[in-house]
Amino acid sequence: MHHIRKTQTGFTLTEMAIVIVLGGILLAAGLMAGRGQISRAQAQDVVQIVGDLQTASASFKQRYGYLPGDLPTPGTVLSGAVAGTGPGVTNGNGRIEGAVSATGIATATGEIAVAPQQLYLAGLIGKIGTDATQYLQTKFGPVHLRTNVAASTATAYVTAYPSVANVIVLYNLPCEVVSEVEAALDDGGFQTGRARSSVPTCVAGATVPRYWVPL
């Protein structure tokens, strides 16, 4: 009499464990790759904003003789434009001045606040928001054209680059985005080179309070 051996079907516990572990690794790798692609796309947007503001500001100065926001009598050349006013503001001195909070909220009357409006009225940027304290924004936070003083950047930066009169300051950018922007615009270091961060290092998932680039 012949005995018929049953063929084993299904997975053993060991095989199932291996499949689960491999699946987890592949899923994690896919998520990391996806986040990397998103960060690069967001960084490209930031780089585009920086380039547009640098170009627009240079064109504004060539056309009117002053930087946006620093124009002494803007109403005479730009319909609807107003001059920046307030403590610490001097029109026509080559610096974009005014008060800004730690989170990037500008005093609405200062040169910093009116600079984007003047660029917009001059037709040099396509659009601005409706909040006079932060006319320009990335998806993460405000963007301001500001004079290069310690409150805007850092004392060490002002000392290292005294010829940089004004900067573009971006607020609350994710660390991953700053890393990508650094690689595109500067030397890749958070606190070296002409573009810098307000923090020396950053971890994934955290944000950079301020990141600046020469105007």
C-alpha atoms as a PDB file:
ATOM      1  CA  MET A   1       0.000   0.000   0.000  1.00  0.00           C
ATOM      2  CA  HIS A   2       1.470   3.306  -1.056  1.00  0.00           C
ATOM      3  CA  HIS A   3       1.461   6.256   1.330  1.00  0.00           C
ATOM      4  CA  ILE A   4       0.675   9.637  -0.243  1.00  0.00           C
ATOM      5  CA  ARG A   5       2.783  12.454   1.281  1.00  0.00           C
ATOM      6  CA  LYS A   6       0.913  15.701   1.734  1.00  0.00           C
ATOM      7  CA  THR A   7       2.580  18.720   0.158  1.00  0.00           C
ATOM      8  CA  GLN A   8       3.114  21.568   2.651  1.00  0.00           C
ATOM      9  CA  THR A   9       1.266  24.727   1.691  1.00  0.00           C
ATOM     10  CA  GLY A  10       1.438  28.327   2.981  1.00  0.00           C
ATOM     11  CA  PHE A  11       4.317  30.152   4.629  1.00  0.00           C
ATOM     12  CA  THR A  12       6.151  29.271   7.784  1.00  0.00           C
ATOM     13  CA  LEU A  13       6.341  31.859  10.543  1.00  0.00           C
ATOM     14  CA  THR A  14       9.967  32.523   9.633  1.00  0.00           C
ATOM     15  CA  GLU A  15       9.103  33.153   5.992  1.00  0.00           C
ATOM     16  CA  MET A  16       6.251  35.445   6.949  1.00  0.00           C
ATOM     17  CA  ALA A  17       8.542  37.403   9.250  1.00  0.00           C
ATOM     18  CA  ILE A  18      11.070  37.848   6.450  1.00  0.00           C
ATOM     19  CA  VAL A  19       8.364  39.071   4.064  1.00  0.00           C
ATOM     20  CA  ILE A  20       7.087  41.559   6.646  1.00  0.00           C
ATOM     21  CA  VAL A  21      10.580  42.918   7.348  1.00  0.00           C
ATOM     22  CA  LEU A  22      11.382  43.277   3.638  1.00  0.00           C
ATOM     23  CA  GLY A  23       8.054  44.968   3.032  1.00  0.00           C
ATOM     24  CA  GLY A  24       8.758  47.426   5.826  1.00  0.00           C
ATOM     25  CA  ILE A  25      12.177  48.232   4.414  1.00  0.00           C
ATOM     26  CA  LEU A  26      10.776  48.821   0.931  1.00  0.00           C
ATOM     27  CA  LEU A  27       7.956  50.974   2.303  1.00  0.00           C
ATOM     28  CA  ALA A  28      10.379  53.091   4.347  1.00  0.00           C
ATOM     29  CA  ALA A  29      12.661  53.507   1.338  1.00  0.00           C
ATOM     30  CA  GLY A  30       9.713  54.578  -0.789  1.00  0.00           C
ATOM     31  CA  LEU A  31       8.556  57.100   1.785  1.00  0.00           C
ATOM     32  CA  MET A  32      12.066  58.532   2.120  1.00  0.00           C
ATOM     33  CA  ALA A  33      12.396  58.835  -1.648  1.00  0.00           C
ATOM     34  CA  GLY A  34       8.991  60.515  -1.829  1.00  0.00           C
ATOM     35  CA  ARG A  35       9.888  63.000   0.891  1.00  0.00           C
ATOM     36  CA  GLY A  36      13.172  63.724  -0.863  1.00  0.00           C
ATOM     37  CA  GLN A  37      11.370  64.523  -4.108  1.00  0.00           C
ATOM     38  CA  ILE A  38       8.919  66.796  -2.301  1.00  0.00           C
ATOM     39  CA  SER A  39      11.771  68.606  -0.522  1.00  0.00           C
ATOM     40  CA  ARG A  40      13.601  69.157  -3.809  1.00  0.00           C
ATOM     41  CA  ALA A  41      10.462  70.540  -5.454  1.00  0.00           C
ATOM     42  CA  GLN A  42       9.827  72.859  -2.511  1.00  0.00           C
ATOM     43  CA  ALA A  43      13.464  73.964  -2.549  1.00  0.00           C
ATOM     44  CA  GLN A  44      13.189  74.785  -6.255  1.00  0.00           C
ATOM     45  CA  ASP A  45      10.235  77.034  -5.435  1.00  0.00           C
ATOM     46  CA  VAL A  46      12.312  78.838  -2.780  1.00  0.00           C
ATOM     47  CA  VAL A  47      15.259  79.232  -5.152  1.00  0.00           C
ATOM     48  CA  GLN A  48      12.874  80.671  -7.757  1.00  0.00           C
ATOM     49  CA  ILE A  49      11.485  83.185  -5.240  1.00  0.00           C
ATOM     50  CA  VAL A  50      14.997  84.280  -4.244  1.00  0.00           C
ATOM     51  CA  GLY A  51      16.079  84.698  -7.864  1.00  0.00           C
ATOM     52  CA  ASP A  52      12.941  86.630  -8.786  1.00  0.00           C
ATOM     53  CA  LEU A  53      13.368  89.039  -5.859  1.00  0.00           C
ATOM     54  CA  GLN A  54      17.049  89.619  -6.627  1.00  0.00           C
ATOM     55  CA  THR A  55      16.290  90.342 -10.268  1.00  0.00           C
ATOM     56  CA  ALA A  56      13.252  92.516  -9.488  1.00  0.00           C
ATOM     57  CA  SER A  57      15.142  94.561  -6.872  1.00  0.00           C
ATOM     58  CA  ALA A  58      18.064  95.165  -9.229  1.00  0.00           C
ATOM     59  CA  SER A  59      15.670  96.293 -11.959  1.00  0.00           C
ATOM     60  CA  PHE A  60      13.841  98.567  -9.504  1.00  0.00           C
ATOM     61  CA  LYS A  61      17.075 100.260  -8.454  1.00  0.00           C
ATOM     62  CA  GLN A  62      18.180 100.689 -12.062  1.00  0.00           C
ATOM     63  CA  ARG A  63      14.822 102.254 -12.954  1.00  0.00           C
ATOM     64  CA  TYR A  64      14.259 104.517  -9.937  1.00  0.00           C
ATOM     65  CA  GLY A  65      17.708 104.945  -8.403  1.00  0.00           C
ATOM     66  CA  TYR A  66      16.716 103.364  -5.083  1.00  0.00           C
ATOM     67  CA  LEU A  67      15.936  99.928  -3.730  1.00  0.00           C
ATOM     68  CA  PRO A  68      12.282  98.926  -3.258  1.00  0.00           C
ATOM     69  CA  GLY A  69      10.994 100.233   0.054  1.00  0.00           C
ATOM     70  CA  ASP A  70      13.812 102.791   0.270  1.00  0.00           C
ATOM     71  CA  LEU A  71      12.362 105.068  -2.408  1.00  0.00           C
ATOM     72  CA  PRO A  72      11.963 108.552  -0.807  1.00  0.00           C
ATOM     73  CA  THR A  73       8.951 109.776  -2.822  1.00  0.00           C
ATOM     74  CA  PRO A  74       7.387 106.671  -4.378  1.00  0.00           C
ATOM     75  CA  GLY A  75       4.007 108.321  -4.980  1.00  0.00           C
ATOM     76  CA  THR A  76       5.512 110.590  -7.631  1.00  0.00           C
ATOM     77  CA  VAL A  77       6.604 107.664  -9.821  1.00  0.00           C
ATOM     78  CA  LEU A  78       4.347 104.791  -8.734  1.00  0.00           C
ATOM     79  CA  SER A  79       0.621 105.387  -8.450  1.00  0.00           C
ATOM     80  CA  GLY A  80      -0.626 104.142  -5.093  1.00  0.00           C
ATOM     81  CA  ALA A  81       2.813 103.608  -3.580  1.00  0.00           C
ATOM     82  CA  VAL A  82       3.716 104.993  -0.169  1.00  0.00           C
ATOM     83  CA  ALA A  83       7.052 105.643   1.487  1.00  0.00           C
ATOM     84  CA  GLY A  84       8.185 103.572   4.433  1.00  0.00           C
ATOM     85  CA  THR A  85       8.010 105.364   7.788  1.00  0.00           C
ATOM     86  CA  GLY A  86       8.586 104.662  11.446  1.00  0.00           C
ATOM     87  CA  PRO A  87      11.377 104.346  14.028  1.00  0.00           C
ATOM     88  CA  GLY A  88      14.758 103.547  12.546  1.00  0.00           C
ATOM     89  CA  VAL A  89      13.609 104.235   8.982  1.00  0.00           C
ATOM     90  CA  THR A  90      15.547 106.629   6.732  1.00  0.00           C
ATOM     91  CA  ASN A  91      14.401 106.811   3.130  1.00  0.00           C
ATOM     92  CA  GLY A  92      17.067 106.819   0.445  1.00  0.00           C
ATOM     93  CA  ASN A  93      19.999 105.509   2.513  1.00  0.00           C
ATOM     94  CA  GLY A  94      20.425 102.250   0.606  1.00  0.00           C
ATOM     95  CA  ARG A  95      19.000 100.094   3.394  1.00  0.00           C
ATOM     96  CA  ILE A  96      15.552  98.500   3.632  1.00  0.00           C
ATOM     97  CA  GLU A  97      14.621  99.268   7.225  1.00  0.00           C
ATOM     98  CA  GLY A  98      11.790  98.669   9.661  1.00  0.00           C
ATOM     99  CA  ALA A  99      10.771  96.402  12.511  1.00  0.00           C
ATOM    100  CA  VAL A 100      10.024  92.686  12.145  1.00  0.00           C
ATOM    101  CA  SER A 101       9.006  90.188  14.820  1.00  0.00           C
ATOM    102  CA  ALA A 102      10.890  86.946  15.463  1.00  0.00           C
ATOM    103  CA  THR A 103       8.295  85.093  13.401  1.00  0.00           C
ATOM    104  CA  GLY A 104       8.547  87.451  10.420  1.00  0.00           C
ATOM    105  CA  ILE A 105       5.658  89.843  11.005  1.00  0.00           C
ATOM    106  CA  ALA A 106       6.720  93.317   9.830  1.00  0.00           C
ATOM    107  CA  THR A 107       5.497  96.685  11.052  1.00  0.00           C
ATOM    108  CA  ALA A 108       3.081  97.647   8.298  1.00  0.00           C
ATOM    109  CA  THR A 109       4.480 101.163   7.770  1.00  0.00           C
ATOM    110  CA  GLY A 110       8.192 100.324   7.557  1.00  0.00           C
ATOM    111  CA  GLU A 111      10.316 100.101   4.417  1.00  0.00           C
ATOM    112  CA  ILE A 112      10.441  96.307   4.842  1.00  0.00           C
ATOM    113  CA  ALA A 113       6.664  96.106   4.649  1.00  0.00           C
ATOM    114  CA  VAL A 114       6.195  98.417   1.657  1.00  0.00           C
ATOM    115  CA  ALA A 115       9.093  97.024  -0.427  1.00  0.00           C
ATOM    116  CA  PRO A 116       7.047  94.164  -1.978  1.00  0.00           C
ATOM    117  CA  GLN A 117       4.179  96.532  -2.694  1.00  0.00           C
ATOM    118  CA  GLN A 118       6.503  98.877  -4.574  1.00  0.00           C
ATOM    119  CA  LEU A 119       7.908  95.972  -6.597  1.00  0.00           C
ATOM    120  CA  TYR A 120       4.378  94.884  -7.439  1.00  0.00           C
ATOM    121  CA  LEU A 121       3.201  98.363  -8.427  1.00  0.00           C
ATOM    122  CA  ALA A 122       6.288  98.689 -10.626  1.00  0.00           C
ATOM    123  CA  GLY A 123       5.259  95.495 -12.418  1.00  0.00           C
ATOM    124  CA  LEU A 124       8.431  93.675 -11.376  1.00  0.00           C
ATOM    125  CA  ILE A 125       6.747  90.856  -9.448  1.00  0.00           C
ATOM    126  CA  GLY A 126       3.518  89.185 -10.428  1.00  0.00           C
ATOM    127  CA  LYS A 127       1.511  89.209  -7.220  1.00  0.00           C
ATOM    128  CA  ILE A 128       1.541  89.903  -3.481  1.00  0.00           C
ATOM    129  CA  GLY A 129      -0.726  88.922  -0.640  1.00  0.00           C
ATOM    130  CA  THR A 130      -3.234  91.123   1.140  1.00  0.00           C
ATOM    131  CA  ASP A 131      -1.544  91.224   4.553  1.00  0.00           C
ATOM    132  CA  ALA A 132       0.639  94.343   4.697  1.00  0.00           C
ATOM    133  CA  THR A 133       2.801  92.802   7.417  1.00  0.00           C
ATOM    134  CA  GLN A 134       3.811  89.888   5.168  1.00  0.00           C
ATOM    135  CA  TYR A 135       3.028  90.593   1.534  1.00  0.00           C
ATOM    136  CA  LEU A 136       5.390  87.835   0.365  1.00  0.00           C
ATOM    137  CA  GLN A 137       5.317  84.244   1.590  1.00  0.00           C
ATOM    138  CA  THR A 138       6.473  80.756   0.787  1.00  0.00           C
ATOM    139  CA  LYS A 139       4.123  77.955   1.810  1.00  0.00           C
ATOM    140  CA  PHE A 140       6.026  77.852   5.115  1.00  0.00           C
ATOM    141  CA  GLY A 141       6.214  81.472   6.227  1.00  0.00           C
ATOM    142  CA  PRO A 142       6.942  85.123   5.396  1.00  0.00           C
ATOM    143  CA  VAL A 143       9.678  86.440   3.092  1.00  0.00           C
ATOM    144  CA  HIS A 144      11.168  89.900   3.621  1.00  0.00           C
ATOM    145  CA  LEU A 145      13.727  92.186   2.024  1.00  0.00           C
ATOM    146  CA  ARG A 146      15.658  93.529   5.017  1.00  0.00           C
ATOM    147  CA  THR A 147      18.768  95.482   5.922  1.00  0.00           C
ATOM    148  CA  ASN A 148      21.720  93.345   7.012  1.00  0.00           C
ATOM    149  CA  VAL A 149      21.865  93.999  10.747  1.00  0.00           C
ATOM    150  CA  ALA A 150      22.193  91.516  13.599  1.00  0.00           C
ATOM    151  CA  ALA A 151      18.430  91.449  14.200  1.00  0.00           C
ATOM    152  CA  SER A 152      17.907  90.376  10.580  1.00  0.00           C
ATOM    153  CA  THR A 153      20.838  87.964  10.241  1.00  0.00           C
ATOM    154  CA  ALA A 154      23.540  87.530  12.909  1.00  0.00           C
ATOM    155  CA  THR A 155      26.376  89.597  14.359  1.00  0.00           C
ATOM    156  CA  ALA A 156      28.989  87.230  12.924  1.00  0.00           C
ATOM    157  CA  TYR A 157      27.426  87.511   9.479  1.00  0.00           C
ATOM    158  CA  VAL A 158      27.344  91.314   9.583  1.00  0.00           C
ATOM    159  CA  THR A 159      31.029  91.284  10.541  1.00  0.00           C
ATOM    160  CA  ALA A 160      31.954  88.760   7.871  1.00  0.00           C
ATOM    161  CA  TYR A 161      30.048  90.525   5.080  1.00  0.00           C
ATOM    162  CA  PRO A 162      29.978  94.277   5.743  1.00  0.00           C
ATOM    163  CA  SER A 163      29.448  94.933   2.031  1.00  0.00           C
ATOM    164  CA  VAL A 164      26.110  93.074   2.091  1.00  0.00           C
ATOM    165  CA  ALA A 165      23.726  95.947   2.806  1.00  0.00           C
ATOM    166  CA  ASN A 166      20.464  94.025   2.450  1.00  0.00           C
ATOM    167  CA  VAL A 167      19.292  90.425   2.498  1.00  0.00           C
ATOM    168  CA  ILE A 168      16.295  88.279   1.612  1.00  0.00           C
ATOM    169  CA  VAL A 169      15.095  86.555   4.790  1.00  0.00           C
ATOM    170  CA  LEU A 170      12.849  83.486   4.646  1.00  0.00           C
ATOM    171  CA  TYR A 171      11.113  82.225   7.768  1.00  0.00           C
ATOM    172  CA  ASN A 172      10.249  78.740   9.060  1.00  0.00           C
ATOM    173  CA  LEU A 173      11.670  76.688   6.206  1.00  0.00           C
ATOM    174  CA  PRO A 174      11.926  72.920   6.868  1.00  0.00           C
ATOM    175  CA  CYS A 175      15.462  71.660   7.442  1.00  0.00           C
ATOM    176  CA  GLU A 176      15.276  69.411   4.394  1.00  0.00           C
ATOM    177  CA  VAL A 177      14.334  72.360   2.199  1.00  0.00           C
ATOM    178  CA  VAL A 178      17.154  74.529   3.583  1.00  0.00           C
ATOM    179  CA  SER A 179      19.657  71.743   2.843  1.00  0.00           C
ATOM    180  CA  GLU A 180      18.481  71.587  -0.768  1.00  0.00           C
ATOM    181  CA  VAL A 181      18.480  75.391  -1.140  1.00  0.00           C
ATOM    182  CA  GLU A 182      21.979  75.582   0.349  1.00  0.00           C
ATOM    183  CA  ALA A 183      23.243  73.041  -2.144  1.00  0.00           C
ATOM    184  CA  ALA A 184      21.732  75.070  -4.990  1.00  0.00           C
ATOM    185  CA  LEU A 185      22.714  78.589  -3.903  1.00  0.00           C
ATOM    186  CA  ASP A 186      25.760  78.361  -1.686  1.00  0.00           C
ATOM    187  CA  ASP A 187      28.328  76.017  -0.130  1.00  0.00           C
ATOM    188  CA  GLY A 188      25.961  73.573   1.568  1.00  0.00           C
ATOM    189  CA  GLY A 189      26.810  74.703   5.111  1.00  0.00           C
ATOM    190  CA  PHE A 190      24.109  76.033   7.383  1.00  0.00           C
ATOM    191  CA  GLN A 191      26.346  78.744   8.856  1.00  0.00           C
ATOM    192  CA  THR A 192      29.077  79.217   6.280  1.00  0.00           C
ATOM    193  CA  GLY A 193      29.158  81.125   3.014  1.00  0.00           C
ATOM    194  CA  ARG A 194      27.029  84.053   1.948  1.00  0.00           C
ATOM    195  CA  ALA A 195      23.675  82.309   2.461  1.00  0.00           C
ATOM    196  CA  ARG A 196      23.121  81.205   6.053  1.00  0.00           C
ATOM    197  CA  SER A 197      20.733  79.814   8.620  1.00  0.00           C
ATOM    198  CA  SER A 198      19.981  81.136  12.085  1.00  0.00           C
ATOM    199  CA  VAL A 199      20.759  77.669  13.513  1.00  0.00           C
ATOM    200  CA  PRO A 200      24.051  75.742  13.078  1.00  0.00           C
ATOM    201  CA  THR A 201      22.483  72.321  12.473  1.00  0.00           C
ATOM    202  CA  CYS A 202      19.048  70.941  11.805  1.00  0.00           C
ATOM    203  CA  VAL A 203      17.326  67.573  12.011  1.00  0.00           C
ATOM    204  CA  ALA A 204      14.705  66.090   9.750  1.00  0.00           C
ATOM    205  CA  GLY A 205      11.235  67.326  10.619  1.00  0.00           C
ATOM    206  CA  ALA A 206      12.470  70.517  12.299  1.00  0.00           C
ATOM    207  CA  THR A 207      12.328  74.043  10.914  1.00  0.00           C
ATOM    208  CA  VAL A 208      14.831  76.884  10.521  1.00  0.00           C
ATOM    209  CA  PRO A 209      13.571  80.142  12.124  1.00  0.00           C
ATOM    210  CA  ARG A 210      15.430  82.359   9.623  1.00  0.00           C
ATOM    211  CA  TYR A 211      17.389  81.684   6.465  1.00  0.00           C
ATOM    212  CA  TRP A 212      18.914  84.552   4.498  1.00  0.00           C
ATOM    213  CA  VAL A 213      20.537  85.248   1.148  1.00  0.00           C
ATOM    214  CA  PRO A 214      22.206  88.499  -0.006  1.00  0.00           C
ATOM    215  CA  LEU A 215      19.861  90.739  -1.953  1.00  0.00           C
END
